[in-house]
């Protein structure tokens, strides 16, 4: 099962990253935001079968697929917010991301790990993986956070990706997506 997760996640369209100044994207060390803090005008999507609710800005395209309830929200400029959920969780978040990072590094020339360690997301223990890698003639900056829901029913992987040139200007968007992602249990 872990090998399948590694393959699925390593081939995913997008993986999130942190700020240009370090490793704190997606609120990995910030306090959880209130659920009502979603920006005005954003739409919401909720499906109990996925275990979460998400808000997204107008004009962003949504795609869903896969056995891990993958949802990708993309803006057309190379920025994407991706969520995967599994019930039950697939294992210890730090062990999963450590294995995934090692596999990803072997298969992606130019990969640069910025941070891989423990953190918090919405007040829950999490593994935070921030990195860059070239893809399609440009460098992508990503932060990927994985965690288990408070009741242990769901495992989540939350990823934000942006072209490196857009990373600094995307941090407000990263925080808004974090506020708009709410585990349902």
N, C-alpha and C. Protein backbone atom coordinates (compact mmCIF):
# COMPACT_ATOMS: atom_id res chain seq x y z
N UNK A 1 0.83 -1.19 0.00
CA UNK A 1 0.00 0.00 0.00
C UNK A 1 0.87 1.25 0.00
N UNK A 2 1.95 1.25 0.82
CA UNK A 2 2.85 2.41 0.86
C UNK A 2 3.48 2.65 -0.51
N UNK A 3 3.87 1.57 -1.20
CA UNK A 3 4.49 1.74 -2.52
C UNK A 3 3.50 2.39 -3.49
N UNK A 4 2.23 1.99 -3.43
CA UNK A 4 1.22 2.59 -4.30
C UNK A 4 1.05 4.07 -3.98
N UNK A 5 1.01 4.41 -2.70
CA UNK A 5 0.89 5.82 -2.31
C UNK A 5 2.09 6.62 -2.81
N UNK A 6 3.27 6.08 -2.66
CA UNK A 6 4.47 6.78 -3.12
C UNK A 6 4.40 7.03 -4.62
N UNK A 7 3.99 6.03 -5.38
CA UNK A 7 3.89 6.20 -6.83
C UNK A 7 2.83 7.23 -7.17
N UNK A 8 1.65 7.13 -6.55
CA UNK A 8 0.58 8.08 -6.83
C UNK A 8 0.97 9.51 -6.48
N UNK A 9 1.56 9.68 -5.33
CA UNK A 9 1.90 11.03 -4.90
C UNK A 9 3.08 11.59 -5.68
N UNK A 10 4.03 10.75 -6.05
CA UNK A 10 5.19 11.23 -6.79
C UNK A 10 4.82 11.65 -8.20
N UNK A 11 3.74 11.12 -8.73
CA UNK A 11 3.32 11.49 -10.07
C UNK A 11 2.23 12.54 -10.06
N UNK A 12 1.89 13.04 -8.90
CA UNK A 12 0.81 14.03 -8.79
C UNK A 12 1.16 15.31 -9.52
N UNK A 13 0.14 15.99 -9.95
CA UNK A 13 0.31 17.25 -10.68
C UNK A 13 1.03 18.28 -9.85
N UNK A 14 0.73 18.34 -8.57
CA UNK A 14 1.29 19.41 -7.75
C UNK A 14 1.56 18.93 -6.35
N UNK A 15 2.53 19.52 -5.73
CA UNK A 15 2.85 19.31 -4.31
C UNK A 15 3.15 20.66 -3.70
N UNK A 16 2.59 21.03 -2.48
CA UNK A 16 2.77 22.35 -1.91
C UNK A 16 4.16 22.66 -1.41
N UNK A 17 4.45 23.94 -1.23
CA UNK A 17 5.71 24.44 -0.71
C UNK A 17 5.50 25.52 0.33
N UNK A 18 6.59 26.03 0.86
CA UNK A 18 6.49 27.05 1.89
C UNK A 18 6.92 28.39 1.36
N UNK A 19 7.07 29.29 2.28
CA UNK A 19 7.45 30.65 1.92
C UNK A 19 8.88 30.70 1.44
N UNK A 20 9.24 31.76 0.78
CA UNK A 20 10.59 31.91 0.28
C UNK A 20 11.59 32.06 1.40
N UNK A 21 11.16 32.28 2.61
CA UNK A 21 12.09 32.54 3.70
C UNK A 21 12.31 31.35 4.60
N UNK A 22 11.70 30.23 4.33
CA UNK A 22 11.91 29.11 5.22
C UNK A 22 10.91 28.01 4.98
N UNK A 23 10.47 27.37 6.05
CA UNK A 23 9.61 26.20 5.91
C UNK A 23 8.37 26.29 6.80
N UNK A 24 7.49 27.22 6.51
CA UNK A 24 6.29 27.33 7.31
C UNK A 24 5.03 27.45 6.48
N UNK A 25 5.06 27.01 5.24
CA UNK A 25 3.88 27.15 4.39
C UNK A 25 2.75 26.28 4.86
N UNK A 26 1.58 26.60 4.38
CA UNK A 26 0.37 25.89 4.71
C UNK A 26 0.16 25.81 6.20
N UNK A 27 0.60 26.81 6.92
CA UNK A 27 0.33 26.88 8.34
C UNK A 27 0.97 25.76 9.13
N UNK A 28 2.02 25.20 8.59
CA UNK A 28 2.64 24.05 9.24
C UNK A 28 3.04 24.34 10.67
N UNK A 29 3.31 25.57 10.98
CA UNK A 29 3.64 25.93 12.35
C UNK A 29 2.74 27.03 12.87
N UNK A 30 1.82 27.50 12.06
CA UNK A 30 0.92 28.57 12.49
C UNK A 30 -0.28 27.98 13.20
N UNK A 31 -0.96 28.80 13.95
CA UNK A 31 -2.18 28.38 14.63
C UNK A 31 -3.27 28.16 13.58
N UNK A 32 -4.20 27.25 13.85
CA UNK A 32 -5.26 27.02 12.88
C UNK A 32 -6.12 28.26 12.70
N UNK A 33 -6.58 28.44 11.49
CA UNK A 33 -7.43 29.59 11.18
C UNK A 33 -8.88 29.21 11.41
N UNK A 34 -9.70 30.18 11.78
CA UNK A 34 -11.11 29.86 11.96
C UNK A 34 -11.74 29.48 10.62
N UNK A 35 -12.70 28.56 10.66
CA UNK A 35 -13.34 28.08 9.45
C UNK A 35 -14.01 29.20 8.67
N UNK A 36 -14.48 30.23 9.33
CA UNK A 36 -15.22 31.31 8.67
C UNK A 36 -14.29 32.33 8.01
N UNK A 37 -12.98 32.12 8.06
CA UNK A 37 -12.03 33.11 7.56
C UNK A 37 -11.77 32.98 6.06
N UNK A 38 -12.60 32.27 5.34
CA UNK A 38 -12.45 32.11 3.90
C UNK A 38 -12.73 33.45 3.22
N UNK A 39 -11.92 33.85 2.25
CA UNK A 39 -12.14 35.14 1.58
C UNK A 39 -13.52 35.25 0.93
N UNK A 40 -14.04 36.44 0.95
CA UNK A 40 -15.33 36.73 0.33
C UNK A 40 -15.25 36.38 -1.16
N UNK A 41 -16.29 35.77 -1.68
CA UNK A 41 -16.35 35.42 -3.09
C UNK A 41 -15.85 34.03 -3.42
N UNK A 42 -15.18 33.37 -2.50
CA UNK A 42 -14.71 32.02 -2.75
C UNK A 42 -15.87 31.05 -2.65
N UNK A 43 -15.87 30.02 -3.50
CA UNK A 43 -16.88 28.97 -3.43
C UNK A 43 -16.38 27.83 -2.58
N UNK A 44 -17.29 26.98 -2.12
CA UNK A 44 -16.89 25.83 -1.30
C UNK A 44 -17.36 24.54 -1.94
N UNK A 45 -16.63 23.49 -1.64
CA UNK A 45 -16.96 22.14 -2.08
C UNK A 45 -16.84 21.25 -0.86
N UNK A 46 -17.85 20.42 -0.64
CA UNK A 46 -17.83 19.50 0.49
C UNK A 46 -18.44 18.18 0.06
N UNK A 47 -17.79 17.10 0.44
CA UNK A 47 -18.29 15.77 0.14
C UNK A 47 -17.85 14.87 1.29
N UNK A 48 -18.82 14.37 2.09
CA UNK A 48 -18.44 13.50 3.21
C UNK A 48 -17.60 12.30 2.79
N UNK A 49 -17.71 11.88 1.53
CA UNK A 49 -16.92 10.75 1.04
C UNK A 49 -15.45 11.08 0.91
N UNK A 50 -15.07 12.36 0.95
CA UNK A 50 -13.66 12.75 0.86
C UNK A 50 -13.09 13.13 2.21
N UNK A 51 -13.96 13.41 3.18
CA UNK A 51 -13.50 13.73 4.53
C UNK A 51 -13.08 15.17 4.73
N UNK A 52 -13.40 16.08 3.81
CA UNK A 52 -13.01 17.47 3.99
C UNK A 52 -13.94 18.42 3.25
N UNK A 53 -13.82 19.68 3.61
CA UNK A 53 -14.46 20.78 2.89
C UNK A 53 -13.34 21.69 2.41
N UNK A 54 -13.49 22.26 1.21
CA UNK A 54 -12.46 23.14 0.66
C UNK A 54 -13.13 24.36 0.04
N UNK A 55 -12.48 25.48 0.16
CA UNK A 55 -12.94 26.71 -0.50
C UNK A 55 -11.90 27.07 -1.56
N UNK A 56 -12.38 27.68 -2.65
CA UNK A 56 -11.46 28.06 -3.72
C UNK A 56 -11.90 29.38 -4.34
N UNK A 57 -10.92 30.10 -4.91
CA UNK A 57 -11.24 31.39 -5.52
C UNK A 57 -11.99 31.22 -6.84
N UNK A 58 -12.72 32.27 -7.23
CA UNK A 58 -13.42 32.20 -8.52
C UNK A 58 -12.42 32.02 -9.65
N UNK A 59 -12.82 31.23 -10.66
CA UNK A 59 -11.99 31.04 -11.84
C UNK A 59 -11.00 29.89 -11.74
N UNK A 60 -10.83 29.30 -10.58
CA UNK A 60 -9.93 28.16 -10.45
C UNK A 60 -10.67 26.90 -10.90
N UNK A 61 -9.98 26.07 -11.68
CA UNK A 61 -10.54 24.84 -12.22
C UNK A 61 -10.37 23.71 -11.20
N UNK A 62 -11.40 22.88 -11.05
CA UNK A 62 -11.34 21.77 -10.10
C UNK A 62 -11.40 20.45 -10.85
N UNK A 63 -10.48 19.53 -10.51
CA UNK A 63 -10.47 18.17 -11.05
C UNK A 63 -10.43 17.20 -9.88
N UNK A 64 -11.16 16.11 -9.99
CA UNK A 64 -11.10 15.07 -8.96
C UNK A 64 -10.77 13.75 -9.64
N UNK A 65 -10.04 12.89 -8.91
CA UNK A 65 -9.68 11.58 -9.47
C UNK A 65 -9.07 10.70 -8.40
N UNK A 66 -8.93 9.45 -8.73
CA UNK A 66 -8.11 8.53 -7.98
C UNK A 66 -8.71 7.90 -6.75
N UNK A 67 -8.02 6.85 -6.31
CA UNK A 67 -8.48 6.12 -5.14
C UNK A 67 -8.29 6.89 -3.84
N UNK A 68 -7.50 7.95 -3.86
CA UNK A 68 -7.27 8.72 -2.64
C UNK A 68 -8.02 10.05 -2.68
N UNK A 69 -9.15 10.07 -3.37
CA UNK A 69 -10.01 11.26 -3.41
C UNK A 69 -9.21 12.50 -3.78
N UNK A 70 -8.37 12.40 -4.77
CA UNK A 70 -7.53 13.53 -5.18
C UNK A 70 -8.38 14.63 -5.78
N UNK A 71 -8.17 15.84 -5.27
CA UNK A 71 -8.78 17.02 -5.86
C UNK A 71 -7.67 18.01 -6.13
N UNK A 72 -7.63 18.55 -7.34
CA UNK A 72 -6.66 19.56 -7.71
C UNK A 72 -7.42 20.80 -8.13
N UNK A 73 -7.09 21.91 -7.52
CA UNK A 73 -7.62 23.22 -7.89
C UNK A 73 -6.47 23.97 -8.54
N UNK A 74 -6.67 24.49 -9.77
CA UNK A 74 -5.58 25.14 -10.49
C UNK A 74 -6.06 26.45 -11.10
N UNK A 75 -5.13 27.39 -11.21
CA UNK A 75 -5.47 28.73 -11.71
C UNK A 75 -5.10 28.99 -13.16
N UNK A 76 -4.38 28.09 -13.80
CA UNK A 76 -3.97 28.30 -15.18
C UNK A 76 -2.61 28.98 -15.33
N UNK A 77 -2.06 29.51 -14.23
CA UNK A 77 -0.73 30.14 -14.24
C UNK A 77 0.33 29.25 -13.61
N UNK A 78 -0.03 27.99 -13.32
CA UNK A 78 0.93 27.06 -12.73
C UNK A 78 0.78 26.90 -11.23
N UNK A 79 -0.15 27.64 -10.62
CA UNK A 79 -0.38 27.45 -9.18
C UNK A 79 -1.49 26.42 -9.01
N UNK A 80 -1.31 25.55 -8.02
CA UNK A 80 -2.31 24.52 -7.77
C UNK A 80 -2.33 24.18 -6.29
N UNK A 81 -3.51 23.82 -5.82
CA UNK A 81 -3.72 23.35 -4.46
C UNK A 81 -4.31 21.96 -4.62
N UNK A 82 -3.66 20.97 -4.03
CA UNK A 82 -4.10 19.58 -4.18
C UNK A 82 -4.34 18.96 -2.82
N UNK A 83 -5.38 18.16 -2.75
CA UNK A 83 -5.72 17.43 -1.52
C UNK A 83 -5.92 15.97 -1.90
N UNK A 84 -5.39 15.09 -1.07
CA UNK A 84 -5.69 13.67 -1.16
C UNK A 84 -6.10 13.22 0.23
N UNK A 85 -7.10 12.34 0.28
CA UNK A 85 -7.53 11.82 1.58
C UNK A 85 -7.71 10.31 1.48
N UNK A 86 -7.49 9.64 2.58
CA UNK A 86 -7.64 8.18 2.63
C UNK A 86 -8.27 7.81 3.97
N UNK A 87 -9.18 6.87 3.89
CA UNK A 87 -9.83 6.37 5.10
C UNK A 87 -9.71 4.86 5.08
N UNK A 88 -9.01 4.25 6.00
CA UNK A 88 -8.27 4.83 7.11
C UNK A 88 -6.95 5.45 6.63
N UNK A 89 -6.27 6.19 7.52
CA UNK A 89 -4.97 6.76 7.15
C UNK A 89 -4.00 5.65 6.72
N UNK A 90 -3.03 6.02 5.88
CA UNK A 90 -2.10 5.04 5.34
C UNK A 90 -0.88 4.79 6.20
N UNK A 91 -0.75 5.50 7.31
CA UNK A 91 0.38 5.26 8.20
C UNK A 91 0.86 6.55 8.83
N UNK A 92 2.01 6.46 9.49
CA UNK A 92 2.61 7.61 10.15
C UNK A 92 2.99 8.67 9.12
N UNK A 93 2.49 9.91 9.24
CA UNK A 93 2.78 10.95 8.25
C UNK A 93 4.28 11.17 8.01
N UNK A 94 5.08 11.20 9.06
CA UNK A 94 6.52 11.46 8.88
C UNK A 94 7.19 10.31 8.14
N UNK A 95 6.83 9.09 8.46
CA UNK A 95 7.41 7.93 7.76
C UNK A 95 7.00 7.94 6.29
N UNK A 96 5.73 8.25 6.01
CA UNK A 96 5.27 8.31 4.63
C UNK A 96 6.03 9.36 3.83
N UNK A 97 6.18 10.57 4.37
CA UNK A 97 6.83 11.65 3.63
C UNK A 97 8.33 11.44 3.52
N UNK A 98 8.95 10.81 4.50
CA UNK A 98 10.37 10.50 4.40
C UNK A 98 10.62 9.53 3.25
N UNK A 99 9.78 8.50 3.14
CA UNK A 99 9.92 7.53 2.05
C UNK A 99 9.60 8.19 0.70
N UNK A 100 8.56 9.01 0.66
CA UNK A 100 8.19 9.66 -0.59
C UNK A 100 9.28 10.63 -1.05
N UNK A 101 9.84 11.39 -0.13
CA UNK A 101 10.91 12.34 -0.49
C UNK A 101 12.12 11.62 -1.07
N UNK A 102 12.50 10.50 -0.48
CA UNK A 102 13.64 9.73 -0.98
C UNK A 102 13.36 9.21 -2.39
N UNK A 103 12.18 8.69 -2.62
CA UNK A 103 11.81 8.19 -3.94
C UNK A 103 11.74 9.32 -4.96
N UNK A 104 11.14 10.42 -4.58
CA UNK A 104 11.01 11.57 -5.47
C UNK A 104 12.39 12.10 -5.88
N UNK A 105 13.30 12.19 -4.91
CA UNK A 105 14.65 12.70 -5.18
C UNK A 105 15.37 11.84 -6.22
N UNK A 106 15.20 10.54 -6.13
CA UNK A 106 15.86 9.63 -7.08
C UNK A 106 15.32 9.79 -8.50
N UNK A 107 14.05 10.14 -8.62
CA UNK A 107 13.42 10.21 -9.93
C UNK A 107 13.31 11.60 -10.54
N UNK A 108 13.81 12.62 -9.85
CA UNK A 108 13.65 13.99 -10.34
C UNK A 108 14.98 14.75 -10.27
N UNK A 109 15.66 14.79 -11.39
CA UNK A 109 16.93 15.52 -11.47
C UNK A 109 16.66 17.00 -11.19
N UNK A 110 17.52 17.61 -10.39
CA UNK A 110 17.36 19.01 -10.04
C UNK A 110 16.50 19.24 -8.80
N UNK A 111 16.03 18.15 -8.19
CA UNK A 111 15.24 18.25 -6.95
C UNK A 111 16.09 18.89 -5.87
N UNK A 112 15.48 19.80 -5.10
CA UNK A 112 16.17 20.43 -3.96
C UNK A 112 15.23 20.43 -2.76
N UNK A 113 15.62 19.70 -1.72
CA UNK A 113 14.83 19.67 -0.49
C UNK A 113 15.12 20.94 0.30
N UNK A 114 14.07 21.65 0.66
CA UNK A 114 14.20 22.83 1.51
C UNK A 114 13.98 22.44 2.96
N UNK A 115 12.99 21.60 3.19
CA UNK A 115 12.68 21.18 4.56
C UNK A 115 11.89 19.89 4.52
N UNK A 116 12.17 19.00 5.46
CA UNK A 116 11.36 17.81 5.71
C UNK A 116 11.40 17.58 7.21
N UNK A 117 10.28 17.74 7.86
CA UNK A 117 10.26 17.57 9.31
C UNK A 117 8.85 17.60 9.86
N UNK A 118 8.79 17.54 11.16
CA UNK A 118 7.49 17.56 11.84
C UNK A 118 7.00 19.00 11.98
N UNK A 119 5.70 19.16 11.94
CA UNK A 119 5.07 20.47 12.10
C UNK A 119 3.64 20.29 12.55
N UNK A 120 2.82 21.34 12.35
CA UNK A 120 1.41 21.30 12.74
C UNK A 120 0.58 21.87 11.60
N UNK A 121 -0.63 21.34 11.46
CA UNK A 121 -1.57 21.84 10.47
C UNK A 121 -2.96 21.79 11.09
N UNK A 122 -3.62 22.92 11.15
CA UNK A 122 -4.94 23.00 11.81
C UNK A 122 -4.85 22.41 13.21
N UNK A 123 -3.72 22.60 13.88
CA UNK A 123 -3.55 22.12 15.25
C UNK A 123 -3.20 20.65 15.37
N UNK A 124 -3.05 19.95 14.26
CA UNK A 124 -2.75 18.52 14.29
C UNK A 124 -1.28 18.29 13.95
N UNK A 125 -0.70 17.24 14.52
CA UNK A 125 0.67 16.87 14.18
C UNK A 125 0.73 16.54 12.69
N UNK A 126 1.80 16.99 12.06
CA UNK A 126 1.92 16.81 10.61
C UNK A 126 3.38 16.60 10.23
N UNK A 127 3.56 16.09 9.02
CA UNK A 127 4.88 16.05 8.38
C UNK A 127 4.84 17.12 7.29
N UNK A 128 5.88 17.94 7.24
CA UNK A 128 5.94 19.06 6.29
C UNK A 128 7.15 18.85 5.39
N UNK A 129 6.89 18.84 4.10
CA UNK A 129 7.95 18.63 3.11
C UNK A 129 7.90 19.78 2.12
N UNK A 130 8.94 20.57 2.08
CA UNK A 130 9.04 21.69 1.14
C UNK A 130 10.22 21.45 0.22
N UNK A 131 10.00 21.70 -1.07
CA UNK A 131 11.06 21.42 -2.04
C UNK A 131 10.81 22.18 -3.33
N UNK A 132 11.84 22.16 -4.18
CA UNK A 132 11.72 22.68 -5.54
C UNK A 132 12.22 21.61 -6.49
N UNK A 133 11.77 21.69 -7.73
CA UNK A 133 12.28 20.81 -8.78
C UNK A 133 11.87 21.39 -10.13
N UNK A 134 12.68 21.12 -11.15
CA UNK A 134 12.33 21.58 -12.50
C UNK A 134 11.26 20.68 -13.10
N UNK A 135 10.36 21.31 -13.84
CA UNK A 135 9.34 20.57 -14.57
C UNK A 135 8.82 21.44 -15.71
N UNK A 136 8.82 20.92 -16.89
CA UNK A 136 8.27 21.64 -18.03
C UNK A 136 8.99 22.95 -18.33
N UNK A 137 10.30 22.99 -18.12
CA UNK A 137 11.07 24.19 -18.44
C UNK A 137 11.04 25.27 -17.38
N UNK A 138 10.49 24.99 -16.22
CA UNK A 138 10.48 25.97 -15.14
C UNK A 138 10.68 25.26 -13.80
N UNK A 139 11.01 26.02 -12.79
CA UNK A 139 11.19 25.46 -11.46
C UNK A 139 9.90 25.63 -10.67
N UNK A 140 9.44 24.53 -10.07
CA UNK A 140 8.25 24.57 -9.22
C UNK A 140 8.68 24.55 -7.76
N UNK A 141 7.97 25.31 -6.96
CA UNK A 141 8.19 25.35 -5.52
C UNK A 141 6.94 24.73 -4.89
N UNK A 142 7.14 23.79 -3.98
CA UNK A 142 6.02 23.05 -3.41
C UNK A 142 6.17 22.89 -1.91
N UNK A 143 5.03 22.85 -1.25
CA UNK A 143 4.99 22.44 0.15
C UNK A 143 3.89 21.40 0.26
N UNK A 144 4.25 20.27 0.85
CA UNK A 144 3.34 19.14 0.96
C UNK A 144 3.25 18.78 2.44
N UNK A 145 2.04 18.81 2.95
CA UNK A 145 1.80 18.54 4.36
C UNK A 145 0.89 17.33 4.47
N UNK A 146 1.26 16.38 5.30
CA UNK A 146 0.40 15.22 5.53
C UNK A 146 0.14 15.07 7.02
N UNK A 147 -1.07 14.65 7.35
CA UNK A 147 -1.48 14.53 8.75
C UNK A 147 -2.68 13.61 8.85
N UNK A 148 -2.97 13.20 10.07
CA UNK A 148 -4.12 12.35 10.36
C UNK A 148 -5.14 13.20 11.12
N UNK A 149 -6.41 12.98 10.81
CA UNK A 149 -7.48 13.74 11.45
C UNK A 149 -7.48 13.51 12.96
N UNK A 150 -8.08 14.44 13.71
CA UNK A 150 -8.06 14.33 15.18
C UNK A 150 -8.60 13.00 15.71
N UNK A 151 -9.61 12.45 15.08
CA UNK A 151 -10.18 11.19 15.55
C UNK A 151 -9.50 9.97 14.93
N UNK A 152 -8.49 10.21 14.06
CA UNK A 152 -7.75 9.12 13.46
C UNK A 152 -8.47 8.40 12.34
N UNK A 153 -9.58 8.96 11.86
CA UNK A 153 -10.38 8.30 10.82
C UNK A 153 -9.84 8.54 9.41
N UNK A 154 -9.22 9.68 9.18
CA UNK A 154 -8.77 10.08 7.85
C UNK A 154 -7.29 10.45 7.86
N UNK A 155 -6.63 10.19 6.73
CA UNK A 155 -5.28 10.70 6.49
C UNK A 155 -5.38 11.69 5.34
N UNK A 156 -4.65 12.80 5.44
CA UNK A 156 -4.70 13.84 4.42
C UNK A 156 -3.31 14.19 3.93
N UNK A 157 -3.22 14.53 2.65
CA UNK A 157 -2.02 15.13 2.07
C UNK A 157 -2.50 16.42 1.41
N UNK A 158 -1.94 17.54 1.82
CA UNK A 158 -2.33 18.85 1.32
C UNK A 158 -1.11 19.49 0.68
N UNK A 159 -1.21 19.84 -0.60
CA UNK A 159 -0.07 20.32 -1.37
C UNK A 159 -0.38 21.63 -2.06
N UNK A 160 0.53 22.58 -1.95
CA UNK A 160 0.42 23.80 -2.74
C UNK A 160 1.65 23.88 -3.62
N UNK A 161 1.44 24.18 -4.91
CA UNK A 161 2.51 24.30 -5.89
C UNK A 161 2.40 25.63 -6.59
N UNK A 162 3.54 26.24 -6.86
CA UNK A 162 3.58 27.46 -7.67
C UNK A 162 4.91 27.50 -8.41
N UNK A 163 4.92 28.12 -9.59
CA UNK A 163 6.22 28.37 -10.21
C UNK A 163 7.07 29.18 -9.23
N UNK A 164 8.35 28.89 -9.17
CA UNK A 164 9.23 29.56 -8.20
C UNK A 164 9.12 31.08 -8.29
N UNK A 165 8.95 31.62 -9.49
CA UNK A 165 8.86 33.07 -9.65
C UNK A 165 7.59 33.64 -9.02
N UNK A 166 6.54 32.81 -8.85
CA UNK A 166 5.29 33.26 -8.24
C UNK A 166 5.19 32.90 -6.76
N UNK A 167 6.18 32.16 -6.25
CA UNK A 167 6.09 31.68 -4.86
C UNK A 167 5.95 32.82 -3.85
N UNK A 168 6.82 33.83 -3.87
CA UNK A 168 6.68 34.89 -2.86
C UNK A 168 5.33 35.59 -2.91
N UNK A 169 4.80 35.83 -4.08
CA UNK A 169 3.52 36.53 -4.20
C UNK A 169 2.33 35.62 -3.95
N UNK A 170 2.55 34.33 -3.75
CA UNK A 170 1.46 33.37 -3.54
C UNK A 170 1.19 33.08 -2.07
N UNK A 171 1.92 33.67 -1.15
CA UNK A 171 1.79 33.31 0.25
C UNK A 171 0.44 33.67 0.86
N UNK A 172 -0.17 34.77 0.44
CA UNK A 172 -1.51 35.12 0.93
C UNK A 172 -2.50 34.06 0.45
N UNK A 173 -2.33 33.62 -0.77
CA UNK A 173 -3.17 32.58 -1.34
C UNK A 173 -2.99 31.26 -0.58
N UNK A 174 -1.76 30.92 -0.25
CA UNK A 174 -1.48 29.71 0.52
C UNK A 174 -2.25 29.75 1.84
N UNK A 175 -2.18 30.86 2.55
CA UNK A 175 -2.87 30.98 3.84
C UNK A 175 -4.39 30.92 3.65
N UNK A 176 -4.90 31.51 2.58
CA UNK A 176 -6.35 31.47 2.33
C UNK A 176 -6.80 30.03 2.05
N UNK A 177 -6.01 29.28 1.27
CA UNK A 177 -6.36 27.88 1.03
C UNK A 177 -6.33 27.09 2.33
N UNK A 178 -5.35 27.36 3.17
CA UNK A 178 -5.30 26.65 4.45
C UNK A 178 -6.56 26.93 5.25
N UNK A 179 -6.97 28.17 5.30
CA UNK A 179 -8.18 28.52 6.04
C UNK A 179 -9.42 27.87 5.44
N UNK A 180 -9.40 27.68 4.12
CA UNK A 180 -10.55 27.11 3.43
C UNK A 180 -10.61 25.59 3.42
N UNK A 181 -9.55 24.92 3.93
CA UNK A 181 -9.55 23.46 4.01
C UNK A 181 -9.91 23.05 5.42
N UNK A 182 -11.01 22.32 5.56
CA UNK A 182 -11.47 21.91 6.87
C UNK A 182 -11.74 20.40 6.88
N UNK A 183 -11.02 19.63 7.70
CA UNK A 183 -11.36 18.22 7.87
C UNK A 183 -12.79 18.12 8.42
N UNK A 184 -13.57 17.16 7.94
CA UNK A 184 -14.98 17.09 8.33
C UNK A 184 -15.26 16.36 9.63
N UNK A 185 -14.33 15.60 10.16
CA UNK A 185 -14.67 14.88 11.39
C UNK A 185 -14.32 15.65 12.63
